[in-house]
C-alpha atoms as a PDB file:
ATOM      1  CA  MET A   1     145.011 119.723   5.281  1.00  0.00           C
ATOM      2  CA  SER A   2     148.252 119.682   3.322  1.00  0.00           C
ATOM      3  CA  PRO A   3     148.650 116.949   0.707  1.00  0.00           C
ATOM      4  CA  SER A   4     151.742 114.783   0.627  1.00  0.00           C
ATOM      5  CA  LEU A   5     153.807 116.318  -2.132  1.00  0.00           C
ATOM      6  CA  PHE A   6     155.742 113.196  -3.124  1.00  0.00           C
ATOM      7  CA  PRO A   7     152.765 111.299  -4.623  1.00  0.00           C
ATOM      8  CA  VAL A   8     151.719 114.509  -6.395  1.00  0.00           C
ATOM      9  CA  PHE A   9     155.214 114.646  -7.903  1.00  0.00           C
ATOM     10  CA  VAL A  10     154.939 110.984  -8.957  1.00  0.00           C
ATOM     11  CA  VAL A  11     151.551 111.595 -10.589  1.00  0.00           C
ATOM     12  CA  GLY A  12     153.123 114.424 -12.591  1.00  0.00           C
ATOM     13  CA  LEU A  13     156.043 112.174 -13.535  1.00  0.00           C
ATOM     14  CA  LEU A  14     153.822 109.310 -14.686  1.00  0.00           C
ATOM     15  CA  GLY A  15     151.183 111.506 -16.247  1.00  0.00           C
ATOM     16  CA  SER A  16     153.762 113.369 -18.300  1.00  0.00           C
ATOM     17  CA  VAL A  17     153.326 110.770 -21.041  1.00  0.00           C
ATOM     18  CA  HIS A  18     150.111 112.702 -21.686  1.00  0.00           C
ATOM     19  CA  CYS A  19     152.163 115.900 -21.979  1.00  0.00           C
ATOM     20  CA  GLY A  20     154.183 114.275 -24.736  1.00  0.00           C
ATOM     21  CA  ALA A  21     151.083 113.779 -26.826  1.00  0.00           C
ATOM     22  CA  MET A  22     149.554 117.172 -26.044  1.00  0.00           C
ATOM     23  CA  CYS A  23     152.490 119.573 -26.010  1.00  0.00           C
ATOM     24  CA  GLY A  24     155.585 117.669 -27.138  1.00  0.00           C
ATOM     25  CA  GLY A  25     155.553 118.897 -30.719  1.00  0.00           C
ATOM     26  CA  ILE A  26     154.991 122.489 -29.671  1.00  0.00           C
ATOM     27  CA  VAL A  27     157.792 122.435 -27.107  1.00  0.00           C
ATOM     28  CA  GLY A  28     160.163 120.912 -29.628  1.00  0.00           C
ATOM     29  CA  ALA A  29     159.279 123.512 -32.259  1.00  0.00           C
ATOM     30  CA  LEU A  30     159.665 126.425 -29.845  1.00  0.00           C
ATOM     31  CA  SER A  31     163.034 125.219 -28.596  1.00  0.00           C
ATOM     32  CA  VAL A  32     164.612 125.320 -32.063  1.00  0.00           C
ATOM     33  CA  THR A  33     163.258 128.705 -33.158  1.00  0.00           C
ATOM     34  CA  PRO A  34     166.070 130.373 -35.121  1.00  0.00           C
ATOM     35  CA  PRO A  35     167.677 133.452 -33.569  1.00  0.00           C
ATOM     36  CA  ARG A  36     166.997 136.947 -34.867  1.00  0.00           C
ATOM     37  CA  THR A  37     169.610 138.283 -37.251  1.00  0.00           C
ATOM     38  CA  ARG A  38     170.257 141.647 -38.833  1.00  0.00           C
ATOM     39  CA  ALA A  39     169.663 142.017 -42.561  1.00  0.00           C
ATOM     40  CA  GLY A  40     172.752 141.355 -44.635  1.00  0.00           C
ATOM     41  CA  VAL A  41     174.640 139.634 -41.840  1.00  0.00           C
ATOM     42  CA  ALA A  42     175.551 136.019 -42.412  1.00  0.00           C
ATOM     43  CA  VAL A  43     175.319 133.809 -39.343  1.00  0.00           C
ATOM     44  CA  ILE A  44     177.162 130.528 -38.962  1.00  0.00           C
ATOM     45  CA  ALA A  45     175.157 128.399 -36.534  1.00  0.00           C
ATOM     46  CA  LEU A  46     177.550 126.143 -34.669  1.00  0.00           C
ATOM     47  CA  ARG A  47     176.027 122.951 -33.246  1.00  0.00           C
ATOM     48  CA  PRO A  48     177.140 123.552 -29.607  1.00  0.00           C
ATOM     49  CA  ALA A  49     175.660 127.053 -29.729  1.00  0.00           C
ATOM     50  CA  ILE A  50     172.374 125.674 -31.060  1.00  0.00           C
ATOM     51  CA  ALA A  51     172.248 123.068 -28.307  1.00  0.00           C
ATOM     52  CA  ASP A  52     172.964 125.664 -25.624  1.00  0.00           C
ATOM     53  CA  ARG A  53     170.276 127.990 -26.970  1.00  0.00           C
ATOM     54  CA  ALA A  54     167.745 125.172 -27.190  1.00  0.00           C
ATOM     55  CA  GLY A  55     168.455 124.137 -23.606  1.00  0.00           C
ATOM     56  CA  LEU A  56     168.042 127.704 -22.361  1.00  0.00           C
ATOM     57  CA  HIS A  57     164.801 128.154 -24.284  1.00  0.00           C
ATOM     58  CA  VAL A  58     163.328 124.894 -22.992  1.00  0.00           C
ATOM     59  CA  ALA A  59     164.293 125.803 -19.416  1.00  0.00           C
ATOM     60  CA  ALA A  60     162.708 129.256 -19.739  1.00  0.00           C
ATOM     61  CA  TYR A  61     159.530 127.804 -21.250  1.00  0.00           C
ATOM     62  CA  ASN A  62     159.157 125.318 -18.423  1.00  0.00           C
ATOM     63  CA  ALA A  63     159.869 127.952 -15.778  1.00  0.00           C
ATOM     64  CA  GLY A  64     156.952 129.947 -17.160  1.00  0.00           C
ATOM     65  CA  ARG A  65     154.771 126.844 -17.259  1.00  0.00           C
ATOM     66  CA  LEU A  66     155.514 126.047 -13.602  1.00  0.00           C
ATOM     67  CA  ALA A  67     154.799 129.653 -12.644  1.00  0.00           C
ATOM     68  CA  SER A  68     151.335 129.400 -14.200  1.00  0.00           C
ATOM     69  CA  TYR A  69     150.689 126.095 -12.408  1.00  0.00           C
ATOM     70  CA  MET A  70     151.643 127.643  -9.067  1.00  0.00           C
ATOM     71  CA  THR A  71     149.383 130.616  -9.747  1.00  0.00           C
ATOM     72  CA  ALA A  72     146.462 128.306 -10.498  1.00  0.00           C
ATOM     73  CA  GLY A  73     147.219 126.250  -7.388  1.00  0.00           C
ATOM     74  CA  ALA A  74     147.358 129.352  -5.218  1.00  0.00           C
ATOM     75  CA  LEU A  75     143.991 130.481  -6.578  1.00  0.00           C
ATOM     76  CA  ALA A  76     142.449 127.050  -5.948  1.00  0.00           C
ATOM     77  CA  GLY A  77     143.869 126.861  -2.441  1.00  0.00           C
ATOM     78  CA  GLY A  78     142.787 130.426  -1.764  1.00  0.00           C
ATOM     79  CA  VAL A  79     139.188 129.609  -2.671  1.00  0.00           C
ATOM     80  CA  ALA A  80     139.168 126.797  -0.109  1.00  0.00           C
ATOM     81  CA  GLN A  81     140.899 128.998   2.456  1.00  0.00           C
ATOM     82  CA  GLY A  82     138.273 131.673   1.978  1.00  0.00           C
ATOM     83  CA  ALA A  83     135.538 129.101   2.509  1.00  0.00           C
ATOM     84  CA  SER A  84     137.093 127.796   5.725  1.00  0.00           C
ATOM     85  CA  ALA A  85     134.501 129.616   7.835  1.00  0.00           C
ATOM     86  CA  LEU A  86     131.637 127.639   6.331  1.00  0.00           C
ATOM     87  CA  THR A  87     129.930 125.293   8.757  1.00  0.00           C
ATOM     88  CA  ALA A  88     129.605 122.705   5.982  1.00  0.00           C
ATOM     89  CA  LEU A  89     133.370 122.708   5.303  1.00  0.00           C
ATOM     90  CA  PRO A  90     134.008 119.115   6.526  1.00  0.00           C
ATOM     91  CA  ALA A  91     131.388 117.814   4.101  1.00  0.00           C
ATOM     92  CA  LEU A  92     132.887 119.899   1.294  1.00  0.00           C
ATOM     93  CA  GLN A  93     136.365 118.564   2.072  1.00  0.00           C
ATOM     94  CA  ALA A  94     135.114 114.982   2.033  1.00  0.00           C
ATOM     95  CA  GLY A  95     133.407 115.580  -1.294  1.00  0.00           C
ATOM     96  CA  ALA A  96     136.538 117.179  -2.743  1.00  0.00           C
ATOM     97  CA  TYR A  97     138.613 114.231  -1.505  1.00  0.00           C
ATOM     98  CA  TRP A  98     136.380 111.782  -3.355  1.00  0.00           C
ATOM     99  CA  LEU A  99     136.466 113.986  -6.452  1.00  0.00           C
ATOM    100  CA  ALA A 100     140.265 114.310  -6.411  1.00  0.00           C
ATOM    101  CA  ASN A 101     140.787 110.550  -6.305  1.00  0.00           C
ATOM    102  CA  ALA A 102     138.012 109.858  -8.809  1.00  0.00           C
ATOM    103  CA  MET A 103     139.787 112.250 -11.191  1.00  0.00           C
ATOM    104  CA  LEU A 104     142.994 110.237 -10.742  1.00  0.00           C
ATOM    105  CA  VAL A 105     141.134 107.034 -11.585  1.00  0.00           C
ATOM    106  CA  ALA A 106     139.747 108.702 -14.714  1.00  0.00           C
ATOM    107  CA  LEU A 107     143.197 110.043 -15.612  1.00  0.00           C
ATOM    108  CA  GLY A 108     144.766 106.610 -15.238  1.00  0.00           C
ATOM    109  CA  LEU A 109     142.140 105.083 -17.521  1.00  0.00           C
ATOM    110  CA  HIS A 110     142.698 107.904 -20.013  1.00  0.00           C
ATOM    111  CA  LEU A 111     146.458 107.314 -20.077  1.00  0.00           C
ATOM    112  CA  MET A 112     145.810 103.623 -20.689  1.00  0.00           C
ATOM    113  CA  ASN A 113     143.478 104.529 -23.591  1.00  0.00           C
ATOM    114  CA  ALA A 114     140.765 102.610 -21.746  1.00  0.00           C
ATOM    115  CA  TRP A 115     138.354 105.534 -21.310  1.00  0.00           C
ATOM    116  CA  SER A 116     138.515 109.069 -22.665  1.00  0.00           C
ATOM    117  CA  GLY A 117     135.624 110.611 -20.759  1.00  0.00           C
ATOM    118  CA  ILE A 118     137.949 112.855 -18.781  1.00  0.00           C
ATOM    119  CA  ALA A 119     138.783 114.701 -22.005  1.00  0.00           C
ATOM    120  CA  HIS A 120     135.342 116.317 -21.834  1.00  0.00           C
ATOM    121  CA  ILE A 121     136.459 118.148 -18.692  1.00  0.00           C
ATOM    122  CA  GLU A 122     138.978 120.057 -20.777  1.00  0.00           C
ATOM    123  CA  ARG A 123     136.115 121.886 -22.448  1.00  0.00           C
ATOM    124  CA  ALA A 124     135.540 123.721 -19.177  1.00  0.00           C
ATOM    125  CA  GLY A 125     138.962 125.317 -19.542  1.00  0.00           C
ATOM    126  CA  GLN A 126     138.260 126.721 -22.985  1.00  0.00           C
ATOM    127  CA  LEU A 127     136.854 129.886 -21.436  1.00  0.00           C
ATOM    128  CA  VAL A 128     140.179 130.749 -19.803  1.00  0.00           C
ATOM    129  CA  TRP A 129     142.154 129.612 -22.839  1.00  0.00           C
ATOM    130  CA  ARG A 130     140.159 131.871 -25.189  1.00  0.00           C
ATOM    131  CA  HIS A 131     141.475 134.841 -23.238  1.00  0.00           C
ATOM    132  CA  ALA A 132     145.042 133.543 -22.894  1.00  0.00           C
ATOM    133  CA  ARG A 133     145.622 132.307 -26.435  1.00  0.00           C
ATOM    134  CA  PRO A 134     145.522 135.714 -28.203  1.00  0.00           C
ATOM    135  CA  GLN A 135     148.322 136.881 -25.916  1.00  0.00           C
ATOM    136  CA  LEU A 136     150.687 134.363 -27.516  1.00  0.00           C
ATOM    137  CA  ALA A 137     150.640 136.358 -30.756  1.00  0.00           C
ATOM    138  CA  ARG A 138     151.504 139.539 -28.854  1.00  0.00           C
ATOM    139  CA  ILE A 139     154.639 137.976 -27.377  1.00  0.00           C
ATOM    140  CA  GLY A 140     156.257 137.781 -30.793  1.00  0.00           C
ATOM    141  CA  PRO A 141     158.587 135.062 -32.067  1.00  0.00           C
ATOM    142  CA  PRO A 142     159.829 132.966 -29.111  1.00  0.00           C
ATOM    143  CA  ASP A 143     163.479 133.594 -29.865  1.00  0.00           C
ATOM    144  CA  THR A 144     164.630 134.864 -26.459  1.00  0.00           C
ATOM    145  CA  PRO A 145     164.466 133.293 -22.975  1.00  0.00           C
ATOM    146  CA  GLY A 146     162.141 136.071 -21.831  1.00  0.00           C
ATOM    147  CA  ARG A 147     159.660 135.384 -24.608  1.00  0.00           C
ATOM    148  CA  MET A 148     159.919 131.654 -23.999  1.00  0.00           C
ATOM    149  CA  PHE A 149     159.095 132.229 -20.313  1.00  0.00           C
ATOM    150  CA  ALA A 150     156.064 134.286 -21.300  1.00  0.00           C
ATOM    151  CA  ALA A 151     154.968 131.620 -23.789  1.00  0.00           C
ATOM    152  CA  GLY A 152     155.282 128.932 -21.125  1.00  0.00           C
ATOM    153  CA  ALA A 153     153.341 131.039 -18.618  1.00  0.00           C
ATOM    154  CA  LEU A 154     150.477 131.354 -21.101  1.00  0.00           C
ATOM    155  CA  TRP A 155     150.668 127.770 -22.305  1.00  0.00           C
ATOM    156  CA  GLY A 156     150.233 126.577 -18.730  1.00  0.00           C
ATOM    157  CA  TRP A 157     146.580 127.636 -19.015  1.00  0.00           C
ATOM    158  CA  LEU A 158     145.957 125.290 -21.954  1.00  0.00           C
ATOM    159  CA  PRO A 159     142.916 123.125 -21.085  1.00  0.00           C
ATOM    160  CA  CYS A 160     144.319 119.893 -19.673  1.00  0.00           C
ATOM    161  CA  ALA A 161     142.375 117.260 -17.762  1.00  0.00           C
ATOM    162  CA  MET A 162     145.538 116.094 -15.998  1.00  0.00           C
ATOM    163  CA  VAL A 163     146.190 119.569 -14.605  1.00  0.00           C
ATOM    164  CA  TYR A 164     142.575 119.894 -13.519  1.00  0.00           C
ATOM    165  CA  SER A 165     142.729 116.601 -11.630  1.00  0.00           C
ATOM    166  CA  VAL A 166     145.636 117.883  -9.528  1.00  0.00           C
ATOM    167  CA  LEU A 167     144.018 121.303  -9.102  1.00  0.00           C
ATOM    168  CA  VAL A 168     141.274 119.584  -7.116  1.00  0.00           C
ATOM    169  CA  THR A 169     143.975 118.357  -4.734  1.00  0.00           C
ATOM    170  CA  ALA A 170     145.453 121.870  -4.587  1.00  0.00           C
ATOM    171  CA  MET A 171     142.037 123.198  -3.619  1.00  0.00           C
ATOM    172  CA  LEU A 172     141.738 120.476  -0.987  1.00  0.00           C
ATOM    173  CA  SER A 173     144.993 121.703   0.594  1.00  0.00           C
ATOM    174  CA  GLY A 174     143.016 124.604   2.039  1.00  0.00           C
ATOM    175  CA  SER A 175     145.543 127.430   1.706  1.00  0.00           C
ATOM    176  CA  ILE A 176     147.201 129.626  -0.894  1.00  0.00           C
ATOM    177  CA  VAL A 177     150.720 128.442  -0.059  1.00  0.00           C
ATOM    178  CA  SER A 178     149.834 124.739   0.074  1.00  0.00           C
ATOM    179  CA  GLY A 179     147.905 125.029  -3.184  1.00  0.00           C
ATOM    180  CA  ALA A 180     150.882 126.628  -4.923  1.00  0.00           C
ATOM    181  CA  LEU A 181     153.286 124.007  -3.523  1.00  0.00           C
ATOM    182  CA  THR A 182     150.984 121.202  -4.637  1.00  0.00           C
ATOM    183  CA  MET A 183     150.999 122.438  -8.220  1.00  0.00           C
ATOM    184  CA  LEU A 184     154.751 123.076  -8.047  1.00  0.00           C
ATOM    185  CA  ALA A 185     155.312 119.438  -7.034  1.00  0.00           C
ATOM    186  CA  PHE A 186     153.120 118.320  -9.915  1.00  0.00           C
ATOM    187  CA  GLY A 187     154.929 120.608 -12.362  1.00  0.00           C
ATOM    188  CA  LEU A 188     158.331 119.370 -11.214  1.00  0.00           C
ATOM    189  CA  GLY A 189     157.122 115.841 -11.866  1.00  0.00           C
ATOM    190  CA  THR A 190     156.348 116.730 -15.475  1.00  0.00           C
ATOM    191  CA  LEU A 191     159.632 118.615 -15.865  1.00  0.00           C
ATOM    192  CA  PRO A 192     161.978 115.723 -16.838  1.00  0.00           C
ATOM    193  CA  MET A 193     159.658 114.689 -19.656  1.00  0.00           C
ATOM    194  CA  MET A 194     159.095 118.233 -20.901  1.00  0.00           C
ATOM    195  CA  LEU A 195     162.817 119.013 -20.875  1.00  0.00           C
ATOM    196  CA  ALA A 196     163.534 115.816 -22.784  1.00  0.00           C
ATOM    197  CA  LEU A 197     160.754 116.556 -25.283  1.00  0.00           C
ATOM    198  CA  GLY A 198     162.218 119.978 -25.957  1.00  0.00           C
ATOM    199  CA  LEU A 199     165.667 118.536 -26.642  1.00  0.00           C
ATOM    200  CA  LEU A 200     164.874 115.167 -28.247  1.00  0.00           C
ATOM    201  CA  GLY A 201     161.574 115.938 -29.936  1.00  0.00           C
ATOM    202  CA  ALA A 202     160.022 113.346 -32.240  1.00  0.00           C
ATOM    203  CA  ARG A 203     162.284 110.482 -31.127  1.00  0.00           C
ATOM    204  CA  LEU A 204     160.913 110.607 -27.586  1.00  0.00           C
ATOM    205  CA  ARG A 205     157.312 111.229 -28.689  1.00  0.00           C
ATOM    206  CA  GLY A 206     157.402 107.987 -30.655  1.00  0.00           C
ATOM    207  CA  TRP A 207     158.439 106.077 -27.538  1.00  0.00           C
ATOM    208  CA  LEU A 208     155.662 107.686 -25.499  1.00  0.00           C
ATOM    209  CA  ARG A 209     153.050 106.379 -27.922  1.00  0.00           C
ATOM    210  CA  LEU A 210     153.996 102.773 -27.217  1.00  0.00           C
ATOM    211  CA  PRO A 211     151.015 100.977 -25.628  1.00  0.00           C
ATOM    212  CA  ALA A 212     153.195  99.380 -22.941  1.00  0.00           C
ATOM    213  CA  VAL A 213     154.457 102.767 -21.781  1.00  0.00           C
ATOM    214  CA  ARG A 214     151.008 104.348 -21.604  1.00  0.00           C
ATOM    215  CA  ILE A 215     149.438 101.319 -19.935  1.00  0.00           C
ATOM    216  CA  GLY A 216     152.197 101.066 -17.345  1.00  0.00           C
ATOM    217  CA  CYS A 217     152.085 104.740 -16.393  1.00  0.00           C
ATOM    218  CA  GLY A 218     148.298 104.829 -16.488  1.00  0.00           C
ATOM    219  CA  ALA A 219     148.023 101.778 -14.248  1.00  0.00           C
ATOM    220  CA  LEU A 220     150.192 103.416 -11.584  1.00  0.00           C
ATOM    221  CA  VAL A 221     148.155 106.642 -11.651  1.00  0.00           C
ATOM    222  CA  LEU A 222     145.007 104.522 -11.464  1.00  0.00           C
ATOM    223  CA  ALA A 223     146.443 102.772  -8.403  1.00  0.00           C
ATOM    224  CA  PHE A 224     146.928 106.138  -6.668  1.00  0.00           C
ATOM    225  CA  GLY A 225     143.273 106.988  -7.215  1.00  0.00           C
ATOM    226  CA  VAL A 226     141.958 103.588  -6.154  1.00  0.00           C
ATOM    227  CA  THR A 227     144.092 103.674  -2.995  1.00  0.00           C
ATOM    228  CA  GLY A 228     142.687 107.084  -2.118  1.00  0.00           C
ATOM    229  CA  LEU A 229     139.120 105.920  -2.667  1.00  0.00           C
ATOM    230  CA  LEU A 230     139.683 102.823  -0.512  1.00  0.00           C
ATOM    231  CA  ARG A 231     141.097 105.067   2.184  1.00  0.00           C
ATOM    232  CA  ALA A 232     137.969 107.220   1.974  1.00  0.00           C
ATOM    233  CA  VAL A 233     135.731 104.183   2.359  1.00  0.00           C
ATOM    234  CA  GLY A 234     137.630 103.357   5.537  1.00  0.00           C
ATOM    235  CA  GLY A 235     136.896 106.771   6.991  1.00  0.00           C
ATOM    236  CA  LEU A 236     140.270 108.372   6.174  1.00  0.00           C
ATOM    237  CA  PRO A 237     142.180 106.570   8.965  1.00  0.00           C
ATOM    238  CA  PRO A 238     145.580 107.994   9.939  1.00  0.00           C
ATOM    239  CA  SER A 239     148.057 105.419   8.653  1.00  0.00           C
ATOM    240  CA  TRP A 240     150.884 104.847   6.235  1.00  0.00           C
ATOM    241  CA  LEU A 241     148.339 105.309   3.434  1.00  0.00           C
ATOM    242  CA  HIS A 242     148.793 109.080   3.591  1.00  0.00           C
ATOM    243  CA  LEU A 243     152.264 108.591   2.146  1.00  0.00           C
ATOM    244  CA  VAL A 244     150.855 107.234  -1.124  1.00  0.00           C
ATOM    245  CA  CYS A 245     147.598 109.178  -1.318  1.00  0.00           C
ATOM    246  CA  VAL A 246     147.678 112.294  -3.440  1.00  0.00           C
ATOM    247  CA  ALA A 247     144.823 114.014  -1.616  1.00  0.00           C
ATOM    248  CA  PRO A 248     145.335 114.735   2.112  1.00  0.00           C
END
């Protein structure tokens, strides 16, 4: 079953207000890392050159981040694909469908600051992050597009409940390719916000903290999850609902 990629993209777009709180400061700091210079050589940093370099660095960082998302999605989809021979697969798919939409409900409530229980799920990702984090120091100062790509690829494994909620949908897709495409759609949804955070920094982060913004975005993500759960109660009927349900 392949999920509809458009609602996954929208969830990434709306949920990216969470990215602003989690990673906005880091992205902004990385994007303005000063260039390497030789000793004794004076460098005059022209504003257009700084802007161009910042844009290139932010783009490289996000390319690496999307690559890590696709890798995780391919792994999740591959697990489900490998289990396709199980006789209990329909029951597992139904359970995963409920879980995927329940995670969206929890994510929506988290974005609205109504319930933070989903944050506990991030602790499960600490095991992976403990192995990935030391590699950041080995990359060196993120002053080239290549190093920014590597930093983004590692930072994509940062424990994040929002990413985990969509990974359940990627697993539900049932194949390596569909899992990777699901996470790509999600990553592209977060891209406008992450690009803006890298270039605008603190000004945009202040706007993202406004209660009205978080409540509005959270309510829409919550609606996706509730719609999916209502569809499940109805026996997953084939209808227009599949166009607005994140899980297939």
